């Protein structure tokens, strides 16, 4: 199972040097990839800019957006960004996670319609592939560059969990980015099983690529920091749901993280992204020691 780590994009006050330290630590570690998520409101940093910086500052790890809330954006612009990111990274953009997003306020802030996002995603994926193939979007205007360097287009992984959205994305996705906040094997396995059945019904030739993720921390007083992080992340859903989810996560010790890694392997994860609750470098340093012992 390949292990990736998400950048701390939701913490206010991080500097250029903070991110350079993270880029170096990840690239020097045993990690397969680094990722970043996308949020509009709050003190969040821009996913696309951070990943572009990471692409230039690293040499080895894959660069994986996790994820683009694609219906908030122009698909043509995203196709251009991803092709540029791949060039800047020297050909290390091999997968992209795409999601529908659940924050109406984020859509409003960027003047995008929250309604109709599911159907819009279907059309946008077709546009991504059209641009990357070098086909004209506007007749007579020529292709939209830059020309990608890859031999094949990156895998498109759907960040979907519900049966309806998984059924829909089975028509266009190459795999699934399954999320279990506490790294539980039954949650991951259930999502992957739904995807496999949906892929079969859609007549897909290949089984879906299985990527998973969970929250963790190895910082001092980690359980409190993990609770605060998850609560803040889900506060938009209301205090009851945010509290319930924050109380359900406990991957804040070496043993608890080893258990979650075992859970992901048991669920059949081919790749796993670990999402730290803090921006402290111990999240990488201590994790390296855990991975060396697994």
C-alpha atoms as a PDB file:
ATOM      1  CA  UNK A   1       0.000   0.000   0.000  1.00  0.00           C
ATOM      2  CA  UNK A   2       1.428   3.366  -1.055  1.00  0.00           C
ATOM      3  CA  UNK A   3       1.341   6.116   1.571  1.00  0.00           C
ATOM      4  CA  UNK A   4       0.781   9.799   0.859  1.00  0.00           C
ATOM      5  CA  UNK A   5       0.426  12.789   3.136  1.00  0.00           C
ATOM      6  CA  UNK A   6      -1.714  15.906   2.852  1.00  0.00           C
ATOM      7  CA  UNK A   7      -0.274  19.388   3.268  1.00  0.00           C
ATOM      8  CA  UNK A   8      -1.615  21.501   6.182  1.00  0.00           C
ATOM      9  CA  UNK A   9      -3.617  23.910   4.044  1.00  0.00           C
ATOM     10  CA  UNK A  10      -6.208  24.885   6.660  1.00  0.00           C
ATOM     11  CA  UNK A  11      -3.926  26.433   9.277  1.00  0.00           C
ATOM     12  CA  UNK A  12      -3.634  30.236   9.395  1.00  0.00           C
ATOM     13  CA  UNK A  13      -0.265  31.955   9.637  1.00  0.00           C
ATOM     14  CA  UNK A  14       1.938  29.454   7.821  1.00  0.00           C
ATOM     15  CA  UNK A  15       4.878  31.033   6.017  1.00  0.00           C
ATOM     16  CA  UNK A  16       6.892  30.258   2.914  1.00  0.00           C
ATOM     17  CA  UNK A  17       9.565  28.649   5.082  1.00  0.00           C
ATOM     18  CA  UNK A  18       6.966  26.497   6.853  1.00  0.00           C
ATOM     19  CA  UNK A  19       5.832  25.057   3.562  1.00  0.00           C
ATOM     20  CA  UNK A  20       9.371  24.606   2.278  1.00  0.00           C
ATOM     21  CA  UNK A  21      10.102  22.569   5.417  1.00  0.00           C
ATOM     22  CA  UNK A  22       7.039  20.407   4.737  1.00  0.00           C
ATOM     23  CA  UNK A  23       7.939  19.909   1.083  1.00  0.00           C
ATOM     24  CA  UNK A  24      11.472  18.811   1.956  1.00  0.00           C
ATOM     25  CA  UNK A  25      10.395  16.525   4.786  1.00  0.00           C
ATOM     26  CA  UNK A  26       7.818  14.775   2.622  1.00  0.00           C
ATOM     27  CA  UNK A  27      10.134  14.407  -0.362  1.00  0.00           C
ATOM     28  CA  UNK A  28      12.896  13.017   1.863  1.00  0.00           C
ATOM     29  CA  UNK A  29      10.559  10.577   3.587  1.00  0.00           C
ATOM     30  CA  UNK A  30       9.078   7.220   2.607  1.00  0.00           C
ATOM     31  CA  UNK A  31       5.998   8.811   1.056  1.00  0.00           C
ATOM     32  CA  UNK A  32       4.638   8.047  -2.379  1.00  0.00           C
ATOM     33  CA  UNK A  33       2.804  11.340  -2.869  1.00  0.00           C
ATOM     34  CA  UNK A  34       1.731  14.633  -1.344  1.00  0.00           C
ATOM     35  CA  UNK A  35      -1.707  16.128  -1.684  1.00  0.00           C
ATOM     36  CA  UNK A  36      -3.784  19.149  -0.788  1.00  0.00           C
ATOM     37  CA  UNK A  37      -7.490  19.753  -0.410  1.00  0.00           C
ATOM     38  CA  UNK A  38      -9.649  22.643  -1.571  1.00  0.00           C
ATOM     39  CA  UNK A  39     -11.679  25.016   0.590  1.00  0.00           C
ATOM     40  CA  UNK A  40     -12.706  28.626  -0.066  1.00  0.00           C
ATOM     41  CA  UNK A  41     -13.869  30.000   3.292  1.00  0.00           C
ATOM     42  CA  UNK A  42     -11.710  30.175   6.376  1.00  0.00           C
ATOM     43  CA  UNK A  43      -7.942  30.711   6.601  1.00  0.00           C
ATOM     44  CA  UNK A  44      -7.278  28.079   3.942  1.00  0.00           C
ATOM     45  CA  UNK A  45      -4.461  28.357   1.423  1.00  0.00           C
ATOM     46  CA  UNK A  46      -5.133  27.845  -2.259  1.00  0.00           C
ATOM     47  CA  UNK A  47      -4.722  24.210  -3.259  1.00  0.00           C
ATOM     48  CA  UNK A  48      -3.525  24.928  -6.769  1.00  0.00           C
ATOM     49  CA  UNK A  49      -0.853  27.427  -5.734  1.00  0.00           C
ATOM     50  CA  UNK A  50       0.440  25.180  -2.941  1.00  0.00           C
ATOM     51  CA  UNK A  51       0.680  22.187  -5.247  1.00  0.00           C
ATOM     52  CA  UNK A  52       2.486  24.258  -7.881  1.00  0.00           C
ATOM     53  CA  UNK A  53       4.996  25.320  -5.231  1.00  0.00           C
ATOM     54  CA  UNK A  54       5.372  21.719  -4.104  1.00  0.00           C
ATOM     55  CA  UNK A  55       5.887  20.577  -7.689  1.00  0.00           C
ATOM     56  CA  UNK A  56       8.894  22.871  -8.030  1.00  0.00           C
ATOM     57  CA  UNK A  57      10.285  22.330  -4.523  1.00  0.00           C
ATOM     58  CA  UNK A  58      10.217  18.509  -4.648  1.00  0.00           C
ATOM     59  CA  UNK A  59      11.857  15.983  -6.952  1.00  0.00           C
ATOM     60  CA  UNK A  60      10.403  12.579  -6.165  1.00  0.00           C
ATOM     61  CA  UNK A  61       6.863  12.367  -4.784  1.00  0.00           C
ATOM     62  CA  UNK A  62       3.731  12.392  -6.891  1.00  0.00           C
ATOM     63  CA  UNK A  63       1.643  15.577  -6.775  1.00  0.00           C
ATOM     64  CA  UNK A  64      -2.022  14.718  -6.251  1.00  0.00           C
ATOM     65  CA  UNK A  65      -4.887  17.213  -5.849  1.00  0.00           C
ATOM     66  CA  UNK A  66      -7.334  15.762  -3.299  1.00  0.00           C
ATOM     67  CA  UNK A  67      -9.542  17.186  -4.377  1.00  0.00           C
ATOM     68  CA  UNK A  68     -10.764  19.609  -6.982  1.00  0.00           C
ATOM     69  CA  UNK A  69     -14.373  20.606  -6.339  1.00  0.00           C
ATOM     70  CA  UNK A  70     -14.714  20.615 -10.089  1.00  0.00           C
ATOM     71  CA  UNK A  71     -18.235  22.048 -10.480  1.00  0.00           C
ATOM     72  CA  UNK A  72     -17.032  25.271  -8.787  1.00  0.00           C
ATOM     73  CA  UNK A  73     -14.596  25.850 -11.653  1.00  0.00           C
ATOM     74  CA  UNK A  74     -14.176  26.087 -15.385  1.00  0.00           C
ATOM     75  CA  UNK A  75     -13.200  22.617 -16.565  1.00  0.00           C
ATOM     76  CA  UNK A  76     -11.067  24.144 -19.312  1.00  0.00           C
ATOM     77  CA  UNK A  77      -9.159  26.190 -16.744  1.00  0.00           C
ATOM     78  CA  UNK A  78      -8.661  23.106 -14.550  1.00  0.00           C
ATOM     79  CA  UNK A  79      -7.373  21.104 -17.522  1.00  0.00           C
ATOM     80  CA  UNK A  80      -4.873  23.870 -18.235  1.00  0.00           C
ATOM     81  CA  UNK A  81      -3.801  24.038 -14.573  1.00  0.00           C
ATOM     82  CA  UNK A  82      -3.264  20.294 -14.318  1.00  0.00           C
ATOM     83  CA  UNK A  83      -1.231  20.117 -17.540  1.00  0.00           C
ATOM     84  CA  UNK A  84       0.903  23.005 -16.266  1.00  0.00           C
ATOM     85  CA  UNK A  85       1.298  21.331 -12.865  1.00  0.00           C
ATOM     86  CA  UNK A  86       2.464  18.136 -14.526  1.00  0.00           C
ATOM     87  CA  UNK A  87       5.114  20.029 -16.494  1.00  0.00           C
ATOM     88  CA  UNK A  88       6.320  21.905 -13.394  1.00  0.00           C
ATOM     89  CA  UNK A  89       6.593  18.613 -11.487  1.00  0.00           C
ATOM     90  CA  UNK A  90       8.492  16.843 -14.235  1.00  0.00           C
ATOM     91  CA  UNK A  91       5.670  14.419 -14.952  1.00  0.00           C
ATOM     92  CA  UNK A  92       4.547  13.560 -11.408  1.00  0.00           C
ATOM     93  CA  UNK A  93       0.802  14.257 -11.706  1.00  0.00           C
ATOM     94  CA  UNK A  94      -0.641  10.785 -12.206  1.00  0.00           C
ATOM     95  CA  UNK A  95      -3.931  11.018 -10.317  1.00  0.00           C
ATOM     96  CA  UNK A  96      -6.494  13.736  -9.605  1.00  0.00           C
ATOM     97  CA  UNK A  97      -9.374  13.426  -7.172  1.00  0.00           C
ATOM     98  CA  UNK A  98     -12.566  15.207  -8.168  1.00  0.00           C
ATOM     99  CA  UNK A  99     -15.539  15.908  -5.929  1.00  0.00           C
ATOM    100  CA  UNK A 100     -18.913  17.619  -5.916  1.00  0.00           C
ATOM    101  CA  UNK A 101     -18.395  19.538  -2.686  1.00  0.00           C
ATOM    102  CA  UNK A 102     -21.009  20.116  -0.019  1.00  0.00           C
ATOM    103  CA  UNK A 103     -20.483  23.769   0.877  1.00  0.00           C
ATOM    104  CA  UNK A 104     -22.992  26.036  -0.816  1.00  0.00           C
ATOM    105  CA  UNK A 105     -21.211  29.082   0.633  1.00  0.00           C
ATOM    106  CA  UNK A 106     -17.986  28.169  -1.191  1.00  0.00           C
ATOM    107  CA  UNK A 107     -19.887  27.952  -4.468  1.00  0.00           C
ATOM    108  CA  UNK A 108     -21.528  31.314  -3.823  1.00  0.00           C
ATOM    109  CA  UNK A 109     -18.196  32.949  -3.003  1.00  0.00           C
ATOM    110  CA  UNK A 110     -16.766  32.025  -6.426  1.00  0.00           C
ATOM    111  CA  UNK A 111     -20.001  32.839  -8.291  1.00  0.00           C
ATOM    112  CA  UNK A 112     -20.745  29.203  -9.154  1.00  0.00           C
ATOM    113  CA  UNK A 113     -24.108  27.468  -8.965  1.00  0.00           C
ATOM    114  CA  UNK A 114     -24.521  24.824  -6.268  1.00  0.00           C
ATOM    115  CA  UNK A 115     -27.563  23.477  -8.081  1.00  0.00           C
ATOM    116  CA  UNK A 116     -26.949  21.124 -10.977  1.00  0.00           C
ATOM    117  CA  UNK A 117     -23.424  20.267  -9.893  1.00  0.00           C
ATOM    118  CA  UNK A 118     -23.845  16.536 -10.477  1.00  0.00           C
ATOM    119  CA  UNK A 119     -24.803  16.848 -14.117  1.00  0.00           C
ATOM    120  CA  UNK A 120     -22.233  19.580 -14.571  1.00  0.00           C
ATOM    121  CA  UNK A 121     -19.500  17.254 -13.319  1.00  0.00           C
ATOM    122  CA  UNK A 122     -20.331  14.692 -16.036  1.00  0.00           C
ATOM    123  CA  UNK A 123     -19.914  17.322 -18.745  1.00  0.00           C
ATOM    124  CA  UNK A 124     -16.787  18.775 -17.144  1.00  0.00           C
ATOM    125  CA  UNK A 125     -14.970  15.447 -17.038  1.00  0.00           C
ATOM    126  CA  UNK A 126     -15.597  15.087 -20.762  1.00  0.00           C
ATOM    127  CA  UNK A 127     -14.153  18.581 -21.242  1.00  0.00           C
ATOM    128  CA  UNK A 128     -11.015  17.722 -19.246  1.00  0.00           C
ATOM    129  CA  UNK A 129     -10.340  14.735 -21.446  1.00  0.00           C
ATOM    130  CA  UNK A 130     -11.088  16.755 -24.580  1.00  0.00           C
ATOM    131  CA  UNK A 131      -8.564  19.470 -23.681  1.00  0.00           C
ATOM    132  CA  UNK A 132      -5.868  16.975 -22.665  1.00  0.00           C
ATOM    133  CA  UNK A 133      -6.354  15.069 -25.913  1.00  0.00           C
ATOM    134  CA  UNK A 134      -5.586  18.257 -27.848  1.00  0.00           C
ATOM    135  CA  UNK A 135      -9.066  18.454 -29.379  1.00  0.00           C
ATOM    136  CA  UNK A 136     -10.553  21.852 -30.094  1.00  0.00           C
ATOM    137  CA  UNK A 137     -13.065  23.221 -27.621  1.00  0.00           C
ATOM    138  CA  UNK A 138     -14.004  26.131 -29.871  1.00  0.00           C
ATOM    139  CA  UNK A 139     -14.115  25.192 -33.540  1.00  0.00           C
ATOM    140  CA  UNK A 140     -11.326  26.844 -35.454  1.00  0.00           C
ATOM    141  CA  UNK A 141      -9.586  28.221 -32.341  1.00  0.00           C
ATOM    142  CA  UNK A 142      -7.031  25.424 -32.060  1.00  0.00           C
ATOM    143  CA  UNK A 143      -6.074  23.265 -29.060  1.00  0.00           C
ATOM    144  CA  UNK A 144      -5.712  24.600 -25.535  1.00  0.00           C
ATOM    145  CA  UNK A 145      -2.223  24.140 -24.109  1.00  0.00           C
ATOM    146  CA  UNK A 146       0.158  23.524 -22.676  1.00  0.00           C
ATOM    147  CA  UNK A 147       0.524  20.123 -24.315  1.00  0.00           C
ATOM    148  CA  UNK A 148       0.758  17.553 -21.505  1.00  0.00           C
ATOM    149  CA  UNK A 149       3.912  15.460 -21.220  1.00  0.00           C
ATOM    150  CA  UNK A 150       2.199  12.279 -20.070  1.00  0.00           C
ATOM    151  CA  UNK A 151       1.814   9.106 -22.158  1.00  0.00           C
ATOM    152  CA  UNK A 152      -1.676   8.671 -20.747  1.00  0.00           C
ATOM    153  CA  UNK A 153      -4.023  11.056 -19.026  1.00  0.00           C
ATOM    154  CA  UNK A 154      -3.994  11.018 -15.193  1.00  0.00           C
ATOM    155  CA  UNK A 155      -6.405   8.754 -13.370  1.00  0.00           C
ATOM    156  CA  UNK A 156      -9.547  10.592 -12.318  1.00  0.00           C
ATOM    157  CA  UNK A 157     -10.647   9.454  -8.860  1.00  0.00           C
ATOM    158  CA  UNK A 158     -14.094  10.336  -7.581  1.00  0.00           C
ATOM    159  CA  UNK A 159     -14.331  11.696  -4.056  1.00  0.00           C
ATOM    160  CA  UNK A 160     -17.742  10.127  -3.508  1.00  0.00           C
ATOM    161  CA  UNK A 161     -19.224   8.117  -0.662  1.00  0.00           C
ATOM    162  CA  UNK A 162     -22.982   7.785  -1.190  1.00  0.00           C
ATOM    163  CA  UNK A 163     -24.488   5.078  -3.412  1.00  0.00           C
ATOM    164  CA  UNK A 164     -26.101   7.546  -5.824  1.00  0.00           C
ATOM    165  CA  UNK A 165     -22.974   9.596  -6.405  1.00  0.00           C
ATOM    166  CA  UNK A 166     -20.819   6.457  -6.723  1.00  0.00           C
ATOM    167  CA  UNK A 167     -23.269   5.028  -9.246  1.00  0.00           C
ATOM    168  CA  UNK A 168     -23.049   8.219 -11.255  1.00  0.00           C
ATOM    169  CA  UNK A 169     -19.284   8.559 -11.218  1.00  0.00           C
ATOM    170  CA  UNK A 170     -18.825   4.919 -12.232  1.00  0.00           C
ATOM    171  CA  UNK A 171     -19.480   6.112 -15.796  1.00  0.00           C
ATOM    172  CA  UNK A 172     -16.407   8.341 -15.908  1.00  0.00           C
ATOM    173  CA  UNK A 173     -14.058   7.774 -12.938  1.00  0.00           C
ATOM    174  CA  UNK A 174     -10.995   5.525 -12.944  1.00  0.00           C
ATOM    175  CA  UNK A 175     -11.294   4.887  -9.236  1.00  0.00           C
ATOM    176  CA  UNK A 176     -12.511   6.118  -5.884  1.00  0.00           C
ATOM    177  CA  UNK A 177     -11.077   8.293  -3.124  1.00  0.00           C
ATOM    178  CA  UNK A 178     -12.845   6.743  -0.152  1.00  0.00           C
ATOM    179  CA  UNK A 179     -12.829   8.627   3.126  1.00  0.00           C
ATOM    180  CA  UNK A 180     -13.029   7.234   6.654  1.00  0.00           C
ATOM    181  CA  UNK A 181     -12.278   9.948   9.181  1.00  0.00           C
ATOM    182  CA  UNK A 182     -11.058   7.457  11.763  1.00  0.00           C
ATOM    183  CA  UNK A 183      -9.563   4.955   9.330  1.00  0.00           C
ATOM    184  CA  UNK A 184     -12.111   2.202   9.898  1.00  0.00           C
ATOM    185  CA  UNK A 185     -11.839  -0.886   7.696  1.00  0.00           C
ATOM    186  CA  UNK A 186     -15.580  -1.497   7.463  1.00  0.00           C
ATOM    187  CA  UNK A 187     -16.255   2.048   6.225  1.00  0.00           C
ATOM    188  CA  UNK A 188     -13.545   1.837   3.586  1.00  0.00           C
ATOM    189  CA  UNK A 189     -14.511  -1.663   2.502  1.00  0.00           C
ATOM    190  CA  UNK A 190     -18.195  -0.752   2.238  1.00  0.00           C
ATOM    191  CA  UNK A 191     -17.386   2.201  -0.021  1.00  0.00           C
ATOM    192  CA  UNK A 192     -15.034   0.158  -2.194  1.00  0.00           C
ATOM    193  CA  UNK A 193     -17.616  -2.623  -2.489  1.00  0.00           C
ATOM    194  CA  UNK A 194     -20.235  -0.138  -3.667  1.00  0.00           C
ATOM    195  CA  UNK A 195     -17.763   1.161  -6.234  1.00  0.00           C
ATOM    196  CA  UNK A 196     -16.907  -2.301  -7.550  1.00  0.00           C
ATOM    197  CA  UNK A 197     -20.595  -3.140  -7.980  1.00  0.00           C
ATOM    198  CA  UNK A 198     -21.279   0.199  -9.688  1.00  0.00           C
ATOM    199  CA  UNK A 199     -18.293  -0.247 -12.014  1.00  0.00           C
ATOM    200  CA  UNK A 200     -19.595  -3.690 -12.981  1.00  0.00           C
ATOM    201  CA  UNK A 201     -23.082  -2.363 -13.694  1.00  0.00           C
ATOM    202  CA  UNK A 202     -21.555   0.390 -15.813  1.00  0.00           C
ATOM    203  CA  UNK A 203     -19.753  -2.217 -17.890  1.00  0.00           C
ATOM    204  CA  UNK A 204     -16.315  -0.883 -17.005  1.00  0.00           C
ATOM    205  CA  UNK A 205     -13.399  -2.979 -18.209  1.00  0.00           C
ATOM    206  CA  UNK A 206     -11.163  -2.370 -15.182  1.00  0.00           C
ATOM    207  CA  UNK A 207     -11.958  -2.441 -11.459  1.00  0.00           C
ATOM    208  CA  UNK A 208     -11.807   0.957  -9.709  1.00  0.00           C
ATOM    209  CA  UNK A 209      -8.498   2.142  -8.273  1.00  0.00           C
ATOM    210  CA  UNK A 210      -8.807   2.155  -4.464  1.00  0.00           C
ATOM    211  CA  UNK A 211      -7.487   5.201  -2.627  1.00  0.00           C
ATOM    212  CA  UNK A 212      -8.418   5.954   0.972  1.00  0.00           C
ATOM    213  CA  UNK A 213      -7.791   8.576   3.617  1.00  0.00           C
ATOM    214  CA  UNK A 214      -8.138   9.407   7.308  1.00  0.00           C
ATOM    215  CA  UNK A 215      -7.277  12.102   9.885  1.00  0.00           C
ATOM    216  CA  UNK A 216      -4.426  11.668  12.337  1.00  0.00           C
ATOM    217  CA  UNK A 217      -2.020  13.541  14.609  1.00  0.00           C
ATOM    218  CA  UNK A 218       1.221  12.777  16.408  1.00  0.00           C
ATOM    219  CA  UNK A 219       1.562  16.204  18.016  1.00  0.00           C
ATOM    220  CA  UNK A 220       1.745  16.754  21.759  1.00  0.00           C
ATOM    221  CA  UNK A 221      -1.748  16.898  23.296  1.00  0.00           C
ATOM    222  CA  UNK A 222      -2.791  15.356  20.021  1.00  0.00           C
ATOM    223  CA  UNK A 223      -6.251  14.084  20.913  1.00  0.00           C
ATOM    224  CA  UNK A 224      -7.426  17.571  21.815  1.00  0.00           C
ATOM    225  CA  UNK A 225      -5.876  19.008  18.643  1.00  0.00           C
ATOM    226  CA  UNK A 226      -7.455  16.280  16.534  1.00  0.00           C
ATOM    227  CA  UNK A 227     -10.859  16.958  18.084  1.00  0.00           C
ATOM    228  CA  UNK A 228     -10.515  20.703  17.459  1.00  0.00           C
ATOM    229  CA  UNK A 229      -9.407  20.172  13.860  1.00  0.00           C
ATOM    230  CA  UNK A 230     -12.291  17.864  12.971  1.00  0.00           C
ATOM    231  CA  UNK A 231     -14.825  20.050  14.748  1.00  0.00           C
ATOM    232  CA  UNK A 232     -13.632  23.122  12.880  1.00  0.00           C
ATOM    233  CA  UNK A 233     -13.583  21.254   9.581  1.00  0.00           C
ATOM    234  CA  UNK A 234     -17.187  20.098   9.985  1.00  0.00           C
ATOM    235  CA  UNK A 235     -18.599  23.112  11.814  1.00  0.00           C
ATOM    236  CA  UNK A 236     -20.541  24.043   8.685  1.00  0.00           C
ATOM    237  CA  UNK A 237     -22.705  20.949   9.244  1.00  0.00           C
ATOM    238  CA  UNK A 238     -23.836  22.265  12.629  1.00  0.00           C
ATOM    239  CA  UNK A 239     -22.593  21.721  16.192  1.00  0.00           C
ATOM    240  CA  UNK A 240     -24.335  18.375  16.700  1.00  0.00           C
ATOM    241  CA  UNK A 241     -22.749  16.683  13.669  1.00  0.00           C
ATOM    242  CA  UNK A 242     -19.391  18.408  14.202  1.00  0.00           C
ATOM    243  CA  UNK A 243     -19.281  17.221  17.819  1.00  0.00           C
ATOM    244  CA  UNK A 244     -20.301  13.672  16.914  1.00  0.00           C
ATOM    245  CA  UNK A 245     -17.598  13.385  14.250  1.00  0.00           C
ATOM    246  CA  UNK A 246     -14.921  15.057  16.384  1.00  0.00           C
ATOM    247  CA  UNK A 247     -15.645  12.613  19.211  1.00  0.00           C
ATOM    248  CA  UNK A 248     -15.377   9.643  16.818  1.00  0.00           C
ATOM    249  CA  UNK A 249     -11.746  10.176  15.779  1.00  0.00           C
ATOM    250  CA  UNK A 250      -8.853   8.937  17.890  1.00  0.00           C
ATOM    251  CA  UNK A 251      -5.840   8.330  15.627  1.00  0.00           C
ATOM    252  CA  UNK A 252      -3.552  10.330  17.898  1.00  0.00           C
ATOM    253  CA  UNK A 253      -0.984   7.748  19.002  1.00  0.00           C
ATOM    254  CA  UNK A 254       1.480   5.446  17.278  1.00  0.00           C
ATOM    255  CA  UNK A 255      -0.549   2.332  18.122  1.00  0.00           C
ATOM    256  CA  UNK A 256      -3.812   3.897  16.960  1.00  0.00           C
ATOM    257  CA  UNK A 257      -2.217   4.923  13.667  1.00  0.00           C
ATOM    258  CA  UNK A 258      -0.729   1.466  13.114  1.00  0.00           C
ATOM    259  CA  UNK A 259      -4.211   0.030  13.617  1.00  0.00           C
ATOM    260  CA  UNK A 260      -5.664   2.439  11.047  1.00  0.00           C
ATOM    261  CA  UNK A 261      -2.927   1.496   8.555  1.00  0.00           C
ATOM    262  CA  UNK A 262      -3.770  -2.180   9.082  1.00  0.00           C
ATOM    263  CA  UNK A 263      -7.443  -1.329   8.574  1.00  0.00           C
ATOM    264  CA  UNK A 264      -6.708   0.352   5.256  1.00  0.00           C
ATOM    265  CA  UNK A 265      -4.674  -2.612   4.042  1.00  0.00           C
ATOM    266  CA  UNK A 266      -7.429  -5.003   5.098  1.00  0.00           C
ATOM    267  CA  UNK A 267      -9.969  -2.922   3.165  1.00  0.00           C
ATOM    268  CA  UNK A 268      -7.876  -3.251   0.028  1.00  0.00           C
ATOM    269  CA  UNK A 269      -6.496   0.282  -0.249  1.00  0.00           C
ATOM    270  CA  UNK A 270      -3.931   0.529  -3.013  1.00  0.00           C
ATOM    271  CA  UNK A 271      -2.982   4.007  -1.847  1.00  0.00           C
ATOM    272  CA  UNK A 272      -3.675   5.898   1.361  1.00  0.00           C
ATOM    273  CA  UNK A 273      -3.537   9.619   2.129  1.00  0.00           C
ATOM    274  CA  UNK A 274      -3.012  10.603   5.741  1.00  0.00           C
ATOM    275  CA  UNK A 275      -4.334  14.033   6.707  1.00  0.00           C
ATOM    276  CA  UNK A 276      -2.585  15.664   9.681  1.00  0.00           C
ATOM    277  CA  UNK A 277      -4.529  17.722  12.206  1.00  0.00           C
ATOM    278  CA  UNK A 278      -1.688  20.181  12.800  1.00  0.00           C
ATOM    279  CA  UNK A 279       1.074  21.894  10.813  1.00  0.00           C
ATOM    280  CA  UNK A 280       3.779  20.719  13.232  1.00  0.00           C
ATOM    281  CA  UNK A 281       6.653  18.883  11.543  1.00  0.00           C
ATOM    282  CA  UNK A 282       6.362  16.117  14.129  1.00  0.00           C
ATOM    283  CA  UNK A 283       3.378  14.941  12.069  1.00  0.00           C
ATOM    284  CA  UNK A 284       5.893  13.861   9.421  1.00  0.00           C
ATOM    285  CA  UNK A 285       8.886  13.009  11.605  1.00  0.00           C
ATOM    286  CA  UNK A 286       7.039  10.691  13.972  1.00  0.00           C
ATOM    287  CA  UNK A 287       5.041   9.173  11.132  1.00  0.00           C
ATOM    288  CA  UNK A 288       8.267   8.209   9.357  1.00  0.00           C
ATOM    289  CA  UNK A 289       9.252   6.158  12.419  1.00  0.00           C
ATOM    290  CA  UNK A 290       5.868   4.432  12.480  1.00  0.00           C
ATOM    291  CA  UNK A 291       6.014   3.548   8.812  1.00  0.00           C
ATOM    292  CA  UNK A 292       9.524   2.151   9.242  1.00  0.00           C
ATOM    293  CA  UNK A 293       8.207  -0.254  11.872  1.00  0.00           C
ATOM    294  CA  UNK A 294       5.181  -1.460   9.922  1.00  0.00           C
END
